[in-house]
């Protein structure tokens, strides 16, 4: 599964697994868990809807 996902994203398997681990480290949500994946997807959709730009500092 990781190999197929990496190919679709034009990444190496190592880069993909590193990014998934980094997401888990930063958010404490496991992107391989269906429940946590739903939480992460909802957060991304919400950020896109409000036009959130992480390069602009808050405040």
PDB file of N, CA and C in Angstrom:
ATOM      1  N   UNK A   1       0.825  -1.187   0.000  1.00  0.00           N
ATOM      2  CA  UNK A   1       0.000   0.000   0.000  1.00  0.00           C
ATOM      3  C   UNK A   1       0.874   1.258   0.000  1.00  0.00           C
ATOM      4  N   UNK A   2       1.923   1.271   0.813  1.00  0.00           N
ATOM      5  CA  UNK A   2       2.799   2.443   0.871  1.00  0.00           C
ATOM      6  C   UNK A   2       3.482   2.687  -0.470  1.00  0.00           C
ATOM      7  N   UNK A   3       3.864   1.595  -1.152  1.00  0.00           N
ATOM      8  CA  UNK A   3       4.524   1.736  -2.451  1.00  0.00           C
ATOM      9  C   UNK A   3       3.574   2.361  -3.468  1.00  0.00           C
ATOM     10  N   UNK A   4       2.340   1.905  -3.499  1.00  0.00           N
ATOM     11  CA  UNK A   4       1.363   2.459  -4.444  1.00  0.00           C
ATOM     12  C   UNK A   4       1.065   3.924  -4.132  1.00  0.00           C
ATOM     13  N   UNK A   5       0.917   4.245  -2.868  1.00  0.00           N
ATOM     14  CA  UNK A   5       0.652   5.636  -2.474  1.00  0.00           C
ATOM     15  C   UNK A   5       1.833   6.531  -2.820  1.00  0.00           C
ATOM     16  N   UNK A   6       3.032   6.054  -2.570  1.00  0.00           N
ATOM     17  CA  UNK A   6       4.228   6.837  -2.888  1.00  0.00           C
ATOM     18  C   UNK A   6       4.322   7.107  -4.379  1.00  0.00           C
ATOM     19  N   UNK A   7       4.025   6.120  -5.175  1.00  0.00           N
ATOM     20  CA  UNK A   7       4.053   6.311  -6.637  1.00  0.00           C
ATOM     21  C   UNK A   7       3.033   7.355  -7.073  1.00  0.00           C
ATOM     22  N   UNK A   8       1.825   7.286  -6.512  1.00  0.00           N
ATOM     23  CA  UNK A   8       0.783   8.255  -6.892  1.00  0.00           C
ATOM     24  C   UNK A   8       1.159   9.674  -6.496  1.00  0.00           C
ATOM     25  N   UNK A   9       1.920   9.808  -5.412  1.00  0.00           N
ATOM     26  CA  UNK A   9       2.337  11.122  -4.925  1.00  0.00           C
ATOM     27  C   UNK A   9       3.707  11.543  -5.448  1.00  0.00           C
ATOM     28  N   UNK A  10       4.299  10.685  -6.285  1.00  0.00           N
ATOM     29  CA  UNK A  10       5.627  10.950  -6.852  1.00  0.00           C
ATOM     30  C   UNK A  10       6.674  11.136  -5.755  1.00  0.00           C
ATOM     31  N   UNK A  11       6.641  10.226  -4.774  1.00  0.00           N
ATOM     32  CA  UNK A  11       7.585  10.236  -3.658  1.00  0.00           C
ATOM     33  C   UNK A  11       8.241   8.868  -3.539  1.00  0.00           C
ATOM     34  N   UNK A  12       9.340   8.819  -2.829  1.00  0.00           N
ATOM     35  CA  UNK A  12       9.901   7.518  -2.471  1.00  0.00           C
ATOM     36  C   UNK A  12       9.103   6.986  -1.285  1.00  0.00           C
ATOM     37  N   UNK A  13       9.160   5.688  -1.084  1.00  0.00           N
ATOM     38  CA  UNK A  13       8.455   5.087   0.051  1.00  0.00           C
ATOM     39  C   UNK A  13       9.013   5.654   1.355  1.00  0.00           C
ATOM     40  N   UNK A  14      10.314   5.855   1.397  1.00  0.00           N
ATOM     41  CA  UNK A  14      10.935   6.404   2.598  1.00  0.00           C
ATOM     42  C   UNK A  14      10.416   7.816   2.891  1.00  0.00           C
ATOM     43  N   UNK A  15      10.283   8.651   1.849  1.00  0.00           N
ATOM     44  CA  UNK A  15       9.769  10.012   2.039  1.00  0.00           C
ATOM     45  C   UNK A  15       8.322   9.978   2.528  1.00  0.00           C
ATOM     46  N   UNK A  16       7.540   9.071   1.970  1.00  0.00           N
ATOM     47  CA  UNK A  16       6.145   8.958   2.386  1.00  0.00           C
ATOM     48  C   UNK A  16       6.041   8.539   3.852  1.00  0.00           C
ATOM     49  N   UNK A  17       6.781   7.515   4.237  1.00  0.00           N
ATOM     50  CA  UNK A  17       6.701   7.055   5.620  1.00  0.00           C
ATOM     51  C   UNK A  17       7.252   8.103   6.585  1.00  0.00           C
ATOM     52  N   UNK A  18       8.272   8.848   6.154  1.00  0.00           N
ATOM     53  CA  UNK A  18       8.793   9.934   6.990  1.00  0.00           C
ATOM     54  C   UNK A  18       7.708  10.986   7.209  1.00  0.00           C
ATOM     55  N   UNK A  19       7.015  11.356   6.147  1.00  0.00           N
ATOM     56  CA  UNK A  19       5.970  12.384   6.272  1.00  0.00           C
ATOM     57  C   UNK A  19       4.822  11.910   7.143  1.00  0.00           C
ATOM     58  N   UNK A  20       4.437  10.651   7.002  1.00  0.00           N
ATOM     59  CA  UNK A  20       3.369  10.120   7.861  1.00  0.00           C
ATOM     60  C   UNK A  20       3.800  10.127   9.318  1.00  0.00           C
ATOM     61  N   UNK A  21       5.052   9.761   9.573  1.00  0.00           N
ATOM     62  CA  UNK A  21       5.567   9.787  10.942  1.00  0.00           C
ATOM     63  C   UNK A  21       5.626  11.213  11.477  1.00  0.00           C
ATOM     64  N   UNK A  22       6.002  12.153  10.623  1.00  0.00           N
ATOM     65  CA  UNK A  22       6.080  13.567  11.030  1.00  0.00           C
ATOM     66  C   UNK A  22       4.688  14.112  11.373  1.00  0.00           C
ATOM     67  N   UNK A  23       3.685  13.741  10.585  1.00  0.00           N
ATOM     68  CA  UNK A  23       2.309  14.142  10.880  1.00  0.00           C
ATOM     69  C   UNK A  23       1.899  13.617  12.249  1.00  0.00           C
ATOM     70  N   UNK A  24       2.238  12.362  12.515  1.00  0.00           N
ATOM     71  CA  UNK A  24       1.906  11.754  13.806  1.00  0.00           C
ATOM     72  C   UNK A  24       2.621  12.477  14.954  1.00  0.00           C
ATOM     73  N   UNK A  25       3.880  12.821  14.747  1.00  0.00           N
ATOM     74  CA  UNK A  25       4.660  13.506  15.782  1.00  0.00           C
ATOM     75  C   UNK A  25       4.093  14.894  16.081  1.00  0.00           C
ATOM     76  N   UNK A  26       3.734  15.625  15.042  1.00  0.00           N
ATOM     77  CA  UNK A  26       3.266  17.003  15.222  1.00  0.00           C
ATOM     78  C   UNK A  26       1.832  17.098  15.735  1.00  0.00           C
ATOM     79  N   UNK A  27       0.976  16.182  15.297  1.00  0.00           N
ATOM     80  CA  UNK A  27      -0.449  16.302  15.628  1.00  0.00           C
ATOM     81  C   UNK A  27      -0.926  15.306  16.678  1.00  0.00           C
ATOM     82  N   UNK A  28      -0.113  14.293  16.937  1.00  0.00           N
ATOM     83  CA  UNK A  28      -0.494  13.183  17.819  1.00  0.00           C
ATOM     84  C   UNK A  28      -1.685  12.402  17.281  1.00  0.00           C
ATOM     85  N   UNK A  29      -1.950  12.547  15.996  1.00  0.00           N
ATOM     86  CA  UNK A  29      -2.967  11.743  15.305  1.00  0.00           C
ATOM     87  C   UNK A  29      -2.247  10.817  14.344  1.00  0.00           C
ATOM     88  N   UNK A  30      -2.662   9.565  14.316  1.00  0.00           N
ATOM     89  CA  UNK A  30      -2.033   8.568  13.461  1.00  0.00           C
ATOM     90  C   UNK A  30      -2.751   8.544  12.113  1.00  0.00           C
ATOM     91  N   UNK A  31      -2.100   8.974  11.017  1.00  0.00           N
ATOM     92  CA  UNK A  31      -2.771   9.014   9.721  1.00  0.00           C
ATOM     93  C   UNK A  31      -3.128   7.642   9.161  1.00  0.00           C
ATOM     94  N   UNK A  32      -2.669   6.561   9.779  1.00  0.00           N
ATOM     95  CA  UNK A  32      -3.056   5.230   9.321  1.00  0.00           C
ATOM     96  C   UNK A  32      -4.288   4.700  10.053  1.00  0.00           C
ATOM     97  N   UNK A  33      -4.742   5.408  11.082  1.00  0.00           N
ATOM     98  CA  UNK A  33      -5.950   5.027  11.818  1.00  0.00           C
ATOM     99  C   UNK A  33      -7.162   5.703  11.160  1.00  0.00           C
ATOM    100  N   UNK A  34      -8.219   4.957  10.855  1.00  0.00           N
ATOM    101  CA  UNK A  34      -9.379   5.566  10.196  1.00  0.00           C
ATOM    102  C   UNK A  34      -9.971   6.761  10.965  1.00  0.00           C
ATOM    103  N   UNK A  35     -10.072   6.658  12.270  1.00  0.00           N
ATOM    104  CA  UNK A  35     -10.632   7.755  13.061  1.00  0.00           C
ATOM    105  C   UNK A  35      -9.732   8.980  13.028  1.00  0.00           C
ATOM    106  N   UNK A  36      -8.452   8.766  13.244  1.00  0.00           N
ATOM    107  CA  UNK A  36      -7.512   9.886  13.221  1.00  0.00           C
ATOM    108  C   UNK A  36      -7.394  10.485  11.824  1.00  0.00           C
ATOM    109  N   UNK A  37      -7.449   9.633  10.809  1.00  0.00           N
ATOM    110  CA  UNK A  37      -7.389  10.129   9.428  1.00  0.00           C
ATOM    111  C   UNK A  37      -8.578  11.047   9.138  1.00  0.00           C
ATOM    112  N   UNK A  38      -9.751  10.697   9.645  1.00  0.00           N
ATOM    113  CA  UNK A  38     -10.933  11.546   9.474  1.00  0.00           C
ATOM    114  C   UNK A  38     -10.709  12.912  10.122  1.00  0.00           C
ATOM    115  N   UNK A  39     -10.143  12.922  11.317  1.00  0.00           N
ATOM    116  CA  UNK A  39      -9.858  14.178  12.016  1.00  0.00           C
ATOM    117  C   UNK A  39      -8.893  15.033  11.192  1.00  0.00           C
ATOM    118  N   UNK A  40      -7.831  14.416  10.677  1.00  0.00           N
ATOM    119  CA  UNK A  40      -6.841  15.148   9.886  1.00  0.00           C
ATOM    120  C   UNK A  40      -7.438  15.676   8.585  1.00  0.00           C
ATOM    121  N   UNK A  41      -8.238  14.853   7.903  1.00  0.00           N
ATOM    122  CA  UNK A  41      -8.868  15.295   6.653  1.00  0.00           C
ATOM    123  C   UNK A  41      -9.838  16.444   6.901  1.00  0.00           C
ATOM    124  N   UNK A  42     -10.584  16.378   7.986  1.00  0.00           N
ATOM    125  CA  UNK A  42     -11.512  17.453   8.333  1.00  0.00           C
ATOM    126  C   UNK A  42     -10.757  18.744   8.617  1.00  0.00           C
ATOM    127  N   UNK A  43      -9.637  18.649   9.308  1.00  0.00           N
ATOM    128  CA  UNK A  43      -8.828  19.839   9.596  1.00  0.00           C
ATOM    129  C   UNK A  43      -8.285  20.457   8.311  1.00  0.00           C
ATOM    130  N   UNK A  44      -7.830  19.632   7.387  1.00  0.00           N
ATOM    131  CA  UNK A  44      -7.310  20.148   6.111  1.00  0.00           C
ATOM    132  C   UNK A  44      -8.423  20.818   5.307  1.00  0.00           C
ATOM    133  N   UNK A  45      -9.578  20.187   5.238  1.00  0.00           N
ATOM    134  CA  UNK A  45     -10.703  20.786   4.509  1.00  0.00           C
ATOM    135  C   UNK A  45     -11.129  22.112   5.142  1.00  0.00           C
ATOM    136  N   UNK A  46     -11.176  22.160   6.459  1.00  0.00           N
ATOM    137  CA  UNK A  46     -11.537  23.395   7.149  1.00  0.00           C
ATOM    138  C   UNK A  46     -10.528  24.503   6.877  1.00  0.00           C
ATOM    139  N   UNK A  47      -9.248  24.163   6.902  1.00  0.00           N
ATOM    140  CA  UNK A  47      -8.205  25.155   6.626  1.00  0.00           C
ATOM    141  C   UNK A  47      -8.328  25.691   5.207  1.00  0.00           C
ATOM    142  N   UNK A  48      -8.629  24.818   4.260  1.00  0.00           N
ATOM    143  CA  UNK A  48      -8.806  25.258   2.868  1.00  0.00           C
ATOM    144  C   UNK A  48     -10.036  26.153   2.726  1.00  0.00           C
ATOM    145  N   UNK A  49     -11.116  25.810   3.423  1.00  0.00           N
ATOM    146  CA  UNK A  49     -12.344  26.604   3.324  1.00  0.00           C
ATOM    147  C   UNK A  49     -12.168  28.030   3.850  1.00  0.00           C
ATOM    148  N   UNK A  50     -11.382  28.181   4.904  1.00  0.00           N
ATOM    149  CA  UNK A  50     -11.187  29.528   5.461  1.00  0.00           C
ATOM    150  C   UNK A  50      -9.998  30.249   4.839  1.00  0.00           C
ATOM    151  N   UNK A  51      -9.329  29.566   3.879  1.00  0.00           N
ATOM    152  CA  UNK A  51      -8.206  30.194   3.205  1.00  0.00           C
ATOM    153  C   UNK A  51      -6.983  30.353   4.080  1.00  0.00           C
ATOM    154  N   UNK A  52      -6.780  29.443   5.034  1.00  0.00           N
ATOM    155  CA  UNK A  52      -5.658  29.523   5.956  1.00  0.00           C
ATOM    156  C   UNK A  52      -4.343  29.356   5.212  1.00  0.00           C
ATOM    157  N   UNK A  53      -3.424  30.260   5.455  1.00  0.00           N
ATOM    158  CA  UNK A  53      -2.102  30.214   4.818  1.00  0.00           C
ATOM    159  C   UNK A  53      -1.053  30.104   5.926  1.00  0.00           C
ATOM    160  N   UNK A  54      -0.381  28.944   6.042  1.00  0.00           N
ATOM    161  CA  UNK A  54       0.563  28.751   7.141  1.00  0.00           C
ATOM    162  C   UNK A  54       1.788  29.646   7.058  1.00  0.00           C
ATOM    163  N   UNK A  55       2.026  30.293   5.914  1.00  0.00           N
ATOM    164  CA  UNK A  55       3.198  31.167   5.806  1.00  0.00           C
ATOM    165  C   UNK A  55       2.950  32.553   6.413  1.00  0.00           C
ATOM    166  N   UNK A  56       1.686  32.872   6.723  1.00  0.00           N
ATOM    167  CA  UNK A  56       1.355  34.145   7.320  1.00  0.00           C
ATOM    168  C   UNK A  56       1.236  33.953   8.840  1.00  0.00           C
ATOM    169  N   UNK A  57       2.041  34.679   9.640  1.00  0.00           N
ATOM    170  CA  UNK A  57       1.971  34.509  11.090  1.00  0.00           C
ATOM    171  C   UNK A  57       0.598  34.928  11.655  1.00  0.00           C
ATOM    172  N   UNK A  58       0.138  34.191  12.643  1.00  0.00           N
ATOM    173  CA  UNK A  58      -1.133  34.524  13.305  1.00  0.00           C
ATOM    174  C   UNK A  58      -0.952  35.730  14.208  1.00  0.00           C
ATOM    175  N   UNK A  59      -2.029  36.475  14.367  1.00  0.00           N
ATOM    176  CA  UNK A  59      -1.993  37.555  15.328  1.00  0.00           C
ATOM    177  C   UNK A  59      -2.064  38.848  14.690  1.00  0.00           C
TER     178      UNK A  59
END
